Amino acid sequence: MADNPAVLSPPEPTAADDEYTRVEYHDNGVVSMQCPFKAGQLQGAVCSYDEQGRLLQVATFKAGVLHGEVLTYEAGKLLQSAQFREGVLAGETLIYEAQTGELTQRFGFQAGLLAGESCFYQAGRLSASLHYQAGLQAGEALYYHENGTLKGRLSYKAGKQQGESLWYSDAGVLQRRAYHREDKLDGPCFDYYEDGKTVRQLSHYRAGQQEGETISYYPAGNMAKVVYFAQGKPYAEVEYDHKGQQRHSKGL
């Protein structure tokens, strides 16, 4: 998740009236920082440099407060672009991979809090799309396989996973269907065979713990095994052959 960009601290103003630029230097004589002032307050682009003269950061100020774009670099390459409004994040923040320059994360902010869509990328492809309201995850969360097909579809409300979640193979076949309440598994959970239709296992959850029967099925659809749970712990199981005849049972 995106943190507020670390803005390099400019020096305190030394004059109250004039409009001027204060310049500071590294020990080797290379400029370390250029700070424009107006009426005793930072005004404009504050630029920071490393000892080799490469740009580290450009931070825009208005009347002494961050207001506008902040660009952060490493070895001369752009790492992060963020937008500020009156000292807090507002607008789009972009994060890049240092070596390749590829976009890896994109966030939206409003009044310093995550808002709207947040995207994650791997090797230039979208790997996840999340949504936020007032800093909390809300709405759909979508995850993708390397080949671009949908991997998972989840739902959130006020920062907690709620409702149905669906998981797919990279061929687009349904693998799991589950339900959450207040960030915990709650209700039936279906795991499927490779056809995406035949149930391989049916489990039941209550407040994040397995409860009741967990049934495993043969590919033909008949029961293979039943395990009984109470408060997340198994206490008995029954196995069946392909003809539905009980083979054995035992306590756990």
Protein backbone atom coordinates (compact mmCIF):
# COMPACT_ATOMS: atom_id res chain seq x y z
CA MET A 1 0.00 0.00 0.00
CA ALA A 2 1.11 3.51 -0.74
CA ASP A 3 2.65 5.54 2.05
CA ASN A 4 2.93 9.30 1.95
CA PRO A 5 6.06 10.15 -0.03
CA ALA A 6 8.97 11.16 2.16
CA VAL A 7 9.56 14.79 1.28
CA LEU A 8 13.12 15.93 1.90
CA SER A 9 13.14 18.66 4.53
CA PRO A 10 14.00 22.10 3.13
CA PRO A 11 15.87 24.59 5.35
CA GLU A 12 14.08 27.18 7.43
CA PRO A 13 13.66 30.59 5.78
CA THR A 14 16.18 33.29 6.67
CA ALA A 15 14.41 36.30 5.18
CA ALA A 16 10.85 37.54 5.48
CA ASP A 17 10.45 40.01 2.63
CA ASP A 18 12.49 39.20 -0.43
CA GLU A 19 11.76 36.68 -3.15
CA TYR A 20 14.89 34.58 -3.52
CA THR A 21 16.27 31.03 -3.93
CA ARG A 22 18.40 29.52 -1.21
CA VAL A 23 21.02 27.04 -2.39
CA GLU A 24 22.74 24.44 -0.20
CA TYR A 25 25.71 22.22 -1.07
CA HIS A 26 27.16 18.81 -0.32
CA ASP A 27 30.66 18.63 1.18
CA ASN A 28 32.03 17.97 -2.32
CA GLY A 29 30.63 21.28 -3.56
CA VAL A 30 27.74 19.80 -5.53
CA VAL A 31 24.36 21.48 -5.03
CA SER A 32 22.23 19.51 -2.56
CA MET A 33 19.07 21.63 -2.50
CA GLN A 34 17.50 24.64 -4.19
CA CYS A 35 14.67 26.26 -2.25
CA PRO A 36 12.66 29.19 -3.63
CA PHE A 37 11.17 31.56 -1.05
CA LYS A 38 8.62 34.32 -1.23
CA ALA A 39 7.68 36.49 1.73
CA GLY A 40 9.54 34.12 4.03
CA GLN A 41 7.74 30.98 2.84
CA LEU A 42 8.61 28.23 0.40
CA GLN A 43 7.02 29.00 -2.95
CA GLY A 44 7.55 26.89 -6.06
CA ALA A 45 9.64 23.80 -6.80
CA VAL A 46 12.10 22.68 -4.12
CA CYS A 47 14.75 20.53 -5.81
CA SER A 48 17.04 18.05 -4.01
CA TYR A 49 20.14 16.36 -5.48
CA ASP A 50 22.54 13.59 -4.49
CA GLU A 51 26.32 14.05 -4.25
CA GLN A 52 26.68 13.21 -7.95
CA GLY A 53 24.27 15.97 -8.91
CA ARG A 54 21.45 13.63 -9.81
CA LEU A 55 17.93 14.76 -9.02
CA LEU A 56 16.42 13.14 -5.90
CA GLN A 57 13.17 15.01 -5.55
CA VAL A 58 11.11 17.90 -6.82
CA ALA A 59 8.44 19.06 -4.37
CA THR A 60 6.06 21.90 -5.17
CA PHE A 61 5.15 24.34 -2.39
CA LYS A 62 2.61 27.13 -2.12
CA ALA A 63 2.80 29.58 0.77
CA GLY A 64 5.02 27.14 2.70
CA VAL A 65 2.77 24.10 2.21
CA LEU A 66 3.06 21.17 -0.20
CA HIS A 67 0.69 21.93 -3.03
CA GLY A 68 1.09 20.29 -6.41
CA GLU A 69 3.32 17.53 -7.71
CA VAL A 70 6.07 15.72 -5.79
CA LEU A 71 8.48 13.68 -7.91
CA THR A 72 10.93 11.27 -6.27
CA TYR A 73 13.95 9.78 -8.08
CA GLU A 74 16.63 7.17 -7.52
CA ALA A 75 19.88 7.28 -9.49
CA GLY A 76 18.18 9.74 -11.82
CA LYS A 77 15.18 7.49 -12.50
CA LEU A 78 11.64 8.35 -11.50
CA LEU A 79 10.36 6.24 -8.60
CA GLN A 80 7.18 8.02 -7.56
CA SER A 81 4.86 10.78 -8.64
CA ALA A 82 2.33 12.16 -6.14
CA GLN A 83 -0.12 15.02 -6.03
CA PHE A 84 -0.68 17.18 -2.95
CA ARG A 85 -3.31 19.74 -2.11
CA GLU A 86 -2.77 22.02 0.87
CA GLY A 87 -0.34 19.59 2.46
CA VAL A 88 -2.21 16.30 1.99
CA LEU A 89 -2.30 13.72 -0.79
CA ALA A 90 -5.00 14.47 -3.33
CA GLY A 91 -5.21 12.95 -6.79
CA GLU A 92 -3.12 10.25 -8.39
CA THR A 93 0.05 8.65 -7.00
CA LEU A 94 2.15 6.56 -9.37
CA ILE A 95 4.97 4.20 -8.33
CA TYR A 96 7.56 2.84 -10.76
CA GLU A 97 10.11 0.02 -10.77
CA ALA A 98 13.54 1.59 -10.40
CA GLN A 99 15.42 -0.54 -12.95
CA THR A 100 12.88 -0.85 -15.76
CA GLY A 101 10.83 2.30 -15.22
CA GLU A 102 7.64 0.26 -15.51
CA LEU A 103 4.57 1.36 -13.60
CA THR A 104 3.94 -1.00 -10.65
CA GLN A 105 1.24 0.75 -8.58
CA ARG A 106 -1.36 3.45 -9.11
CA PHE A 107 -3.41 4.96 -6.29
CA GLY A 108 -6.05 7.63 -6.01
CA PHE A 109 -6.24 9.91 -2.97
CA GLN A 110 -8.78 12.36 -1.66
CA ALA A 111 -8.05 14.51 1.39
CA GLY A 112 -5.11 12.26 2.28
CA LEU A 113 -7.11 9.01 2.13
CA LEU A 114 -7.22 6.31 -0.52
CA ALA A 115 -10.21 6.84 -2.81
CA GLY A 116 -11.36 5.31 -6.07
CA GLU A 117 -9.44 2.65 -7.95
CA SER A 118 -5.99 1.36 -6.95
CA CYS A 119 -4.14 -0.77 -9.49
CA PHE A 120 -1.13 -3.08 -9.23
CA TYR A 121 0.97 -4.14 -12.21
CA GLN A 122 3.56 -6.84 -12.90
CA ALA A 123 5.75 -6.67 -16.00
CA GLY A 124 3.40 -4.10 -17.48
CA ARG A 125 0.20 -6.11 -17.00
CA LEU A 126 -2.59 -5.49 -14.55
CA SER A 127 -2.43 -7.94 -11.62
CA ALA A 128 -5.02 -6.41 -9.25
CA SER A 129 -7.67 -3.71 -9.21
CA LEU A 130 -9.02 -2.58 -5.81
CA HIS A 131 -11.45 0.15 -4.85
CA TYR A 132 -11.49 2.44 -1.82
CA GLN A 133 -13.80 4.90 -0.11
CA ALA A 134 -12.41 7.27 2.54
CA GLY A 135 -9.33 5.08 3.02
CA LEU A 136 -11.21 1.78 3.36
CA GLN A 137 -11.52 -0.95 0.77
CA ALA A 138 -15.01 -1.03 -0.73
CA GLY A 139 -16.69 -2.65 -3.72
CA GLU A 140 -15.09 -5.17 -6.05
CA ALA A 141 -11.51 -6.41 -5.81
CA LEU A 142 -10.28 -8.10 -8.98
CA TYR A 143 -7.12 -10.21 -9.33
CA TYR A 144 -5.60 -11.47 -12.58
CA HIS A 145 -3.37 -14.33 -13.74
CA GLU A 146 -0.18 -13.69 -15.72
CA ASN A 147 -2.05 -14.47 -18.95
CA GLY A 148 -4.56 -11.70 -18.17
CA THR A 149 -7.53 -13.89 -17.29
CA LEU A 150 -9.50 -13.22 -14.13
CA LYS A 151 -8.08 -15.00 -11.07
CA GLY A 152 -10.34 -13.77 -8.27
CA ARG A 153 -13.41 -11.59 -7.72
CA LEU A 154 -14.01 -10.44 -4.12
CA SER A 155 -16.30 -7.90 -2.48
CA TYR A 156 -15.54 -5.45 0.33
CA LYS A 157 -17.52 -3.07 2.48
CA ALA A 158 -16.00 -0.57 4.91
CA GLY A 159 -12.59 -2.28 4.71
CA LYS A 160 -13.80 -5.83 5.31
CA GLN A 161 -14.43 -8.69 2.93
CA GLN A 162 -18.14 -9.41 2.59
CA GLY A 163 -20.30 -11.69 0.48
CA GLU A 164 -19.33 -13.99 -2.35
CA SER A 165 -15.78 -14.59 -3.56
CA LEU A 166 -14.94 -16.45 -6.76
CA TRP A 167 -11.58 -17.91 -7.80
CA TYR A 168 -10.67 -19.14 -11.29
CA SER A 169 -7.89 -21.09 -12.98
CA ASP A 170 -5.75 -19.41 -15.63
CA ALA A 171 -8.01 -21.10 -18.18
CA GLY A 172 -10.99 -19.19 -16.77
CA VAL A 173 -12.54 -22.21 -15.04
CA LEU A 174 -14.17 -21.71 -11.64
CA GLN A 175 -12.12 -23.33 -8.85
CA ARG A 176 -13.70 -22.02 -5.63
CA ARG A 177 -16.83 -20.23 -4.48
CA ALA A 178 -16.91 -18.98 -0.89
CA TYR A 179 -18.68 -16.45 1.31
CA HIS A 180 -17.37 -13.97 3.85
CA ARG A 181 -18.84 -11.93 6.64
CA GLU A 182 -16.80 -9.27 8.44
CA ASP A 183 -13.54 -10.50 6.84
CA LYS A 184 -14.11 -14.14 7.88
CA LEU A 185 -15.31 -17.18 5.98
CA ASP A 186 -18.97 -17.66 6.81
CA GLY A 187 -21.30 -20.06 5.02
CA PRO A 188 -20.70 -22.75 2.39
CA CYS A 189 -17.40 -23.05 0.53
CA PHE A 190 -17.34 -24.99 -2.76
CA ASP A 191 -14.15 -26.35 -4.32
CA TYR A 192 -14.54 -27.67 -7.87
CA TYR A 193 -12.90 -30.22 -10.14
CA GLU A 194 -11.18 -29.03 -13.32
CA ASP A 195 -14.47 -28.83 -15.20
CA GLY A 196 -15.54 -25.96 -12.92
CA LYS A 197 -18.95 -27.57 -12.34
CA THR A 198 -18.45 -30.76 -10.35
CA VAL A 199 -18.00 -30.12 -6.63
CA ARG A 200 -14.81 -31.65 -5.25
CA GLN A 201 -15.38 -30.54 -1.67
CA LEU A 202 -18.12 -28.73 0.20
CA SER A 203 -17.17 -27.12 3.50
CA HIS A 204 -19.14 -25.00 5.93
CA TYR A 205 -17.78 -22.09 7.97
CA ARG A 206 -19.03 -19.97 10.82
CA ALA A 207 -17.09 -16.83 11.78
CA GLY A 208 -13.92 -18.17 10.13
CA GLN A 209 -14.02 -21.69 11.58
CA GLN A 210 -15.12 -24.91 9.93
CA GLU A 211 -18.40 -26.10 11.34
CA GLY A 212 -20.56 -29.14 10.61
CA GLU A 213 -19.92 -31.39 7.62
CA THR A 214 -17.07 -31.12 5.15
CA ILE A 215 -17.93 -33.43 2.27
CA SER A 216 -15.49 -34.67 -0.38
CA TYR A 217 -16.88 -36.06 -3.64
CA TYR A 218 -15.64 -38.42 -6.33
CA PRO A 219 -15.48 -36.97 -9.88
CA ALA A 220 -18.75 -38.78 -10.64
CA GLY A 221 -20.45 -36.69 -7.93
CA ASN A 222 -21.00 -39.32 -5.24
CA MET A 223 -19.67 -38.84 -1.69
CA ALA A 224 -16.16 -40.01 -0.92
CA LYS A 225 -15.68 -38.74 2.63
CA VAL A 226 -17.41 -36.73 5.32
CA VAL A 227 -15.48 -35.01 8.11
CA TYR A 228 -17.38 -33.47 11.01
CA PHE A 229 -16.18 -30.23 12.60
CA ALA A 230 -17.02 -28.30 15.73
CA GLN A 231 -15.47 -24.88 16.37
CA GLY A 232 -12.85 -25.48 13.70
CA LYS A 233 -11.73 -28.91 14.96
CA PRO A 234 -12.55 -32.27 13.33
CA TYR A 235 -14.06 -34.89 15.64
CA ALA A 236 -15.23 -37.70 13.33
CA GLU A 237 -15.07 -38.89 9.72
CA VAL A 238 -16.80 -41.39 7.46
CA GLU A 239 -15.44 -42.75 4.16
CA TYR A 240 -17.41 -44.23 1.26
CA ASP A 241 -16.49 -46.32 -1.79
CA HIS A 242 -17.46 -45.45 -5.35
CA LYS A 243 -20.75 -47.32 -4.95
CA GLY A 244 -21.76 -45.26 -1.94
CA GLN A 245 -21.12 -48.03 0.58
CA GLN A 246 -19.57 -46.97 3.87
CA ARG A 247 -16.03 -48.28 4.14
CA HIS A 248 -15.25 -47.16 7.68
CA SER A 249 -15.78 -44.43 10.23
CA LYS A 250 -13.76 -43.18 13.15
CA GLY A 251 -13.55 -40.51 15.77
CA LEU A 252 -10.69 -38.00 15.65
